[in-house]
């Protein structure tokens, strides 16, 4: 029987040490367990500015497979349709997850919409101004038959808003190196309208009105600590 060479012994020891370090550095502390619990139904006002919930719109019911996935990934979801006196409607969807690890992170609309039969005709990065800060957002155009749905969304990981997959991952790793598992949410608004410029203008106004009506702690839950406006 051949003796194990010194080189192979060193390699084996290095692999063993690396595996041990990976296990030791694996995040175990959930940020969501340390702070106050989030309640989206209470956090998001039912009426603000010119907007109120459109009671004539029945909420969509997910199929059993989607419902099982939603229950697995998200701690809470909120879906509402708001309307203003001009008859403009905004569909709001928020999904909150207390565990933003690789297997549990919130799903992006670029993935969810095509899974429901939509085509994504536009996918661009933009900035939404709240007046005193700037939020990085994604702007999508989803279509299904004659339906044209402009979409604005962002994702949070911990206290940061990141729409870039790379930056999102870096934020996740930053928390992981401290042994923490960040929470996060996806904030999505959309409307059925062919004029995308007008749709995004209305969506931005809706967002500003909503954030203005929320408490400072509530806004932080939704937009983290965004870049101040210059």
Protein backbone atom coordinates (compact mmCIF):
# COMPACT_ATOMS: atom_id res chain seq x y z
CA UNK A 1 0.00 0.00 0.00
CA UNK A 2 1.34 3.41 -0.98
CA UNK A 3 1.95 5.93 1.73
CA UNK A 4 -0.03 9.19 1.50
CA UNK A 5 2.27 11.89 0.14
CA UNK A 6 2.94 15.00 2.17
CA UNK A 7 1.39 17.11 -0.62
CA UNK A 8 -1.88 15.19 -0.54
CA UNK A 9 -1.91 15.30 3.24
CA UNK A 10 -1.58 19.10 3.21
CA UNK A 11 -4.32 19.42 0.59
CA UNK A 12 -6.61 17.20 2.64
CA UNK A 13 -5.96 19.20 5.80
CA UNK A 14 -6.65 22.48 3.95
CA UNK A 15 -9.96 21.14 2.65
CA UNK A 16 -10.91 20.01 6.14
CA UNK A 17 -10.06 23.42 7.62
CA UNK A 18 -11.95 25.22 4.84
CA UNK A 19 -15.04 23.10 5.44
CA UNK A 20 -14.83 23.84 9.15
CA UNK A 21 -14.49 27.58 8.55
CA UNK A 22 -17.44 27.57 6.17
CA UNK A 23 -19.56 25.89 8.82
CA UNK A 24 -18.33 28.28 11.52
CA UNK A 25 -19.04 31.35 9.36
CA UNK A 26 -22.50 30.20 8.30
CA UNK A 27 -24.97 32.91 9.37
CA UNK A 28 -27.27 31.78 12.15
CA UNK A 29 -28.75 34.96 13.65
CA UNK A 30 -31.87 36.32 11.93
CA UNK A 31 -32.17 40.10 12.10
CA UNK A 32 -35.96 39.70 11.95
CA UNK A 33 -35.92 37.93 15.34
CA UNK A 34 -34.21 40.86 17.05
CA UNK A 35 -36.44 43.81 16.12
CA UNK A 36 -40.16 44.56 16.29
CA UNK A 37 -42.32 42.30 14.16
CA UNK A 38 -43.60 43.70 10.91
CA UNK A 39 -47.35 43.73 10.14
CA UNK A 40 -47.97 44.83 6.56
CA UNK A 41 -51.73 45.25 7.09
CA UNK A 42 -51.04 47.81 9.79
CA UNK A 43 -47.89 49.29 8.26
CA UNK A 44 -49.47 50.27 4.93
CA UNK A 45 -52.35 52.76 5.32
CA UNK A 46 -55.62 51.94 3.60
CA UNK A 47 -56.14 55.58 2.63
CA UNK A 48 -53.65 58.41 2.07
CA UNK A 49 -53.48 61.52 -0.07
CA UNK A 50 -55.99 61.10 -2.91
CA UNK A 51 -55.76 57.32 -2.75
CA UNK A 52 -58.02 54.73 -1.13
CA UNK A 53 -58.51 51.00 -1.51
CA UNK A 54 -60.73 50.10 -4.45
CA UNK A 55 -63.27 47.83 -2.82
CA UNK A 56 -64.69 46.81 -6.22
CA UNK A 57 -61.55 44.84 -7.07
CA UNK A 58 -61.47 41.29 -5.73
CA UNK A 59 -58.00 40.06 -4.70
CA UNK A 60 -56.45 37.41 -6.94
CA UNK A 61 -56.30 33.88 -5.55
CA UNK A 62 -53.07 32.01 -6.23
CA UNK A 63 -53.16 28.42 -7.42
CA UNK A 64 -52.14 25.76 -4.85
CA UNK A 65 -48.57 25.46 -6.19
CA UNK A 66 -48.01 29.23 -6.06
CA UNK A 67 -49.62 29.41 -2.62
CA UNK A 68 -47.24 26.73 -1.31
CA UNK A 69 -44.20 28.60 -2.69
CA UNK A 70 -45.42 31.91 -1.26
CA UNK A 71 -45.93 30.33 2.17
CA UNK A 72 -42.43 28.81 2.08
CA UNK A 73 -40.53 31.96 1.06
CA UNK A 74 -42.52 34.82 2.59
CA UNK A 75 -43.59 35.53 6.13
CA UNK A 76 -46.15 38.06 4.94
CA UNK A 77 -47.67 39.32 1.71
CA UNK A 78 -49.98 42.22 0.96
CA UNK A 79 -51.93 42.85 -2.25
CA UNK A 80 -54.21 45.84 -2.72
CA UNK A 81 -55.59 47.99 -5.51
CA UNK A 82 -55.89 51.72 -4.85
CA UNK A 83 -57.91 54.27 -6.80
CA UNK A 84 -57.94 58.09 -6.82
CA UNK A 85 -60.76 60.52 -7.71
CA UNK A 86 -59.56 60.60 -11.34
CA UNK A 87 -60.16 56.87 -11.65
CA UNK A 88 -56.45 56.00 -11.84
CA UNK A 89 -55.68 52.62 -10.30
CA UNK A 90 -52.44 51.34 -8.80
CA UNK A 91 -51.92 47.70 -7.90
CA UNK A 92 -49.66 47.33 -4.86
CA UNK A 93 -47.94 44.11 -3.87
CA UNK A 94 -45.49 43.69 -0.97
CA UNK A 95 -43.80 40.44 -0.01
CA UNK A 96 -41.76 40.28 3.20
CA UNK A 97 -39.32 37.51 4.10
CA UNK A 98 -37.47 37.25 7.39
CA UNK A 99 -34.79 35.01 5.87
CA UNK A 100 -32.99 36.40 2.82
CA UNK A 101 -30.60 33.50 2.34
CA UNK A 102 -29.99 32.06 -1.12
CA UNK A 103 -32.87 29.58 -1.02
CA UNK A 104 -35.38 31.94 0.55
CA UNK A 105 -34.85 35.30 -1.16
CA UNK A 106 -37.84 37.18 -2.57
CA UNK A 107 -38.57 36.45 -6.21
CA UNK A 108 -38.18 39.19 -8.81
CA UNK A 109 -41.11 40.13 -11.10
CA UNK A 110 -38.90 39.28 -14.11
CA UNK A 111 -39.31 35.68 -12.97
CA UNK A 112 -42.84 35.71 -11.54
CA UNK A 113 -44.59 37.44 -14.45
CA UNK A 114 -43.34 35.12 -17.24
CA UNK A 115 -44.32 32.17 -15.02
CA UNK A 116 -47.90 33.49 -15.25
CA UNK A 117 -47.84 33.81 -19.05
CA UNK A 118 -46.61 37.40 -19.40
CA UNK A 119 -43.87 38.68 -21.69
CA UNK A 120 -41.36 41.22 -20.38
CA UNK A 121 -40.84 43.83 -23.12
CA UNK A 122 -38.80 46.28 -21.06
CA UNK A 123 -36.38 45.85 -18.16
CA UNK A 124 -34.54 49.01 -17.14
CA UNK A 125 -32.93 50.47 -14.03
CA UNK A 126 -34.10 53.89 -12.88
CA UNK A 127 -34.22 56.16 -9.82
CA UNK A 128 -37.36 57.20 -7.99
CA UNK A 129 -37.16 60.52 -6.15
CA UNK A 130 -39.13 60.76 -2.92
CA UNK A 131 -38.27 64.42 -2.47
CA UNK A 132 -35.58 64.01 0.18
CA UNK A 133 -34.01 60.76 -1.05
CA UNK A 134 -33.45 58.62 -4.14
CA UNK A 135 -34.47 54.97 -4.46
CA UNK A 136 -32.97 52.68 -7.13
CA UNK A 137 -35.84 50.91 -8.90
CA UNK A 138 -36.53 48.58 -11.79
CA UNK A 139 -39.00 49.58 -14.51
CA UNK A 140 -40.63 46.75 -16.43
CA UNK A 141 -43.27 46.48 -19.13
CA UNK A 142 -45.21 43.21 -18.94
CA UNK A 143 -47.74 42.23 -21.59
CA UNK A 144 -50.29 39.47 -21.95
CA UNK A 145 -52.52 39.69 -24.99
CA UNK A 146 -53.94 43.23 -25.07
CA UNK A 147 -52.95 43.89 -21.45
CA UNK A 148 -50.00 46.28 -21.03
CA UNK A 149 -48.74 46.57 -17.47
CA UNK A 150 -45.94 49.02 -16.57
CA UNK A 151 -44.26 47.93 -13.32
CA UNK A 152 -42.02 49.66 -10.81
CA UNK A 153 -40.35 47.66 -8.05
CA UNK A 154 -37.44 47.48 -5.65
CA UNK A 155 -36.06 44.94 -3.18
CA UNK A 156 -34.54 45.49 0.24
CA UNK A 157 -31.95 43.34 1.94
CA UNK A 158 -31.49 44.38 5.54
CA UNK A 159 -31.49 48.18 5.55
CA UNK A 160 -30.46 48.64 1.90
CA UNK A 161 -32.40 48.86 -1.36
CA UNK A 162 -30.68 46.97 -4.17
CA UNK A 163 -32.13 46.14 -7.59
CA UNK A 164 -28.83 44.92 -9.04
CA UNK A 165 -28.35 41.20 -8.48
CA UNK A 166 -24.63 41.65 -7.84
CA UNK A 167 -25.09 44.46 -5.30
CA UNK A 168 -27.90 42.51 -3.63
CA UNK A 169 -25.58 39.53 -3.24
CA UNK A 170 -22.79 41.73 -1.83
CA UNK A 171 -25.19 43.11 0.79
CA UNK A 172 -26.23 39.57 1.67
CA UNK A 173 -22.57 38.54 2.05
CA UNK A 174 -21.84 41.61 4.17
CA UNK A 175 -24.43 40.47 6.68
CA UNK A 176 -23.27 36.86 6.43
CA UNK A 177 -19.72 37.78 7.46
CA UNK A 178 -21.11 39.11 10.74
CA UNK A 179 -23.12 35.92 11.31
CA UNK A 180 -26.44 37.59 10.51
CA UNK A 181 -29.24 36.60 8.13
CA UNK A 182 -30.93 39.74 6.77
CA UNK A 183 -34.63 40.14 6.24
CA UNK A 184 -36.00 41.86 3.16
CA UNK A 185 -39.01 42.68 1.09
CA UNK A 186 -40.15 43.29 -2.45
CA UNK A 187 -42.24 46.41 -3.08
CA UNK A 188 -44.06 46.36 -6.42
CA UNK A 189 -46.56 48.75 -7.95
CA UNK A 190 -48.11 48.48 -11.38
CA UNK A 191 -50.98 49.75 -13.49
CA UNK A 192 -52.72 48.69 -16.68
CA UNK A 193 -51.92 51.47 -19.12
CA UNK A 194 -50.43 51.75 -22.61
CA UNK A 195 -48.74 55.12 -21.91
CA UNK A 196 -45.71 53.99 -19.90
CA UNK A 197 -44.41 57.51 -19.23
CA UNK A 198 -47.75 58.52 -17.72
CA UNK A 199 -47.96 55.24 -15.82
CA UNK A 200 -44.54 55.69 -14.20
CA UNK A 201 -45.35 59.31 -13.34
CA UNK A 202 -48.51 58.20 -11.55
CA UNK A 203 -46.73 55.33 -9.82
CA UNK A 204 -44.02 57.68 -8.53
CA UNK A 205 -46.65 60.13 -7.23
CA UNK A 206 -48.45 57.23 -5.52
CA UNK A 207 -45.20 56.13 -3.85
CA UNK A 208 -44.40 59.63 -2.62
CA UNK A 209 -47.91 60.01 -1.17
CA UNK A 210 -47.66 56.63 0.55
CA UNK A 211 -44.24 57.27 2.09
CA UNK A 212 -45.32 60.72 3.24
CA UNK A 213 -48.26 59.17 5.11
CA UNK A 214 -46.07 56.65 6.94
CA UNK A 215 -44.11 57.04 10.16
CA UNK A 216 -40.30 57.35 9.93
CA UNK A 217 -39.91 53.79 11.23
CA UNK A 218 -42.49 52.56 8.71
CA UNK A 219 -40.70 54.25 5.83
CA UNK A 220 -37.43 52.69 6.93
CA UNK A 221 -39.06 49.27 6.76
CA UNK A 222 -40.08 49.92 3.16
CA UNK A 223 -37.09 51.79 1.73
CA UNK A 224 -34.28 51.14 4.21
CA UNK A 225 -31.72 53.93 4.32
CA UNK A 226 -31.77 55.36 0.78
CA UNK A 227 -29.33 57.80 -0.76
CA UNK A 228 -30.17 61.42 0.18
CA UNK A 229 -31.36 63.63 -2.67
CA UNK A 230 -28.78 66.08 -3.98
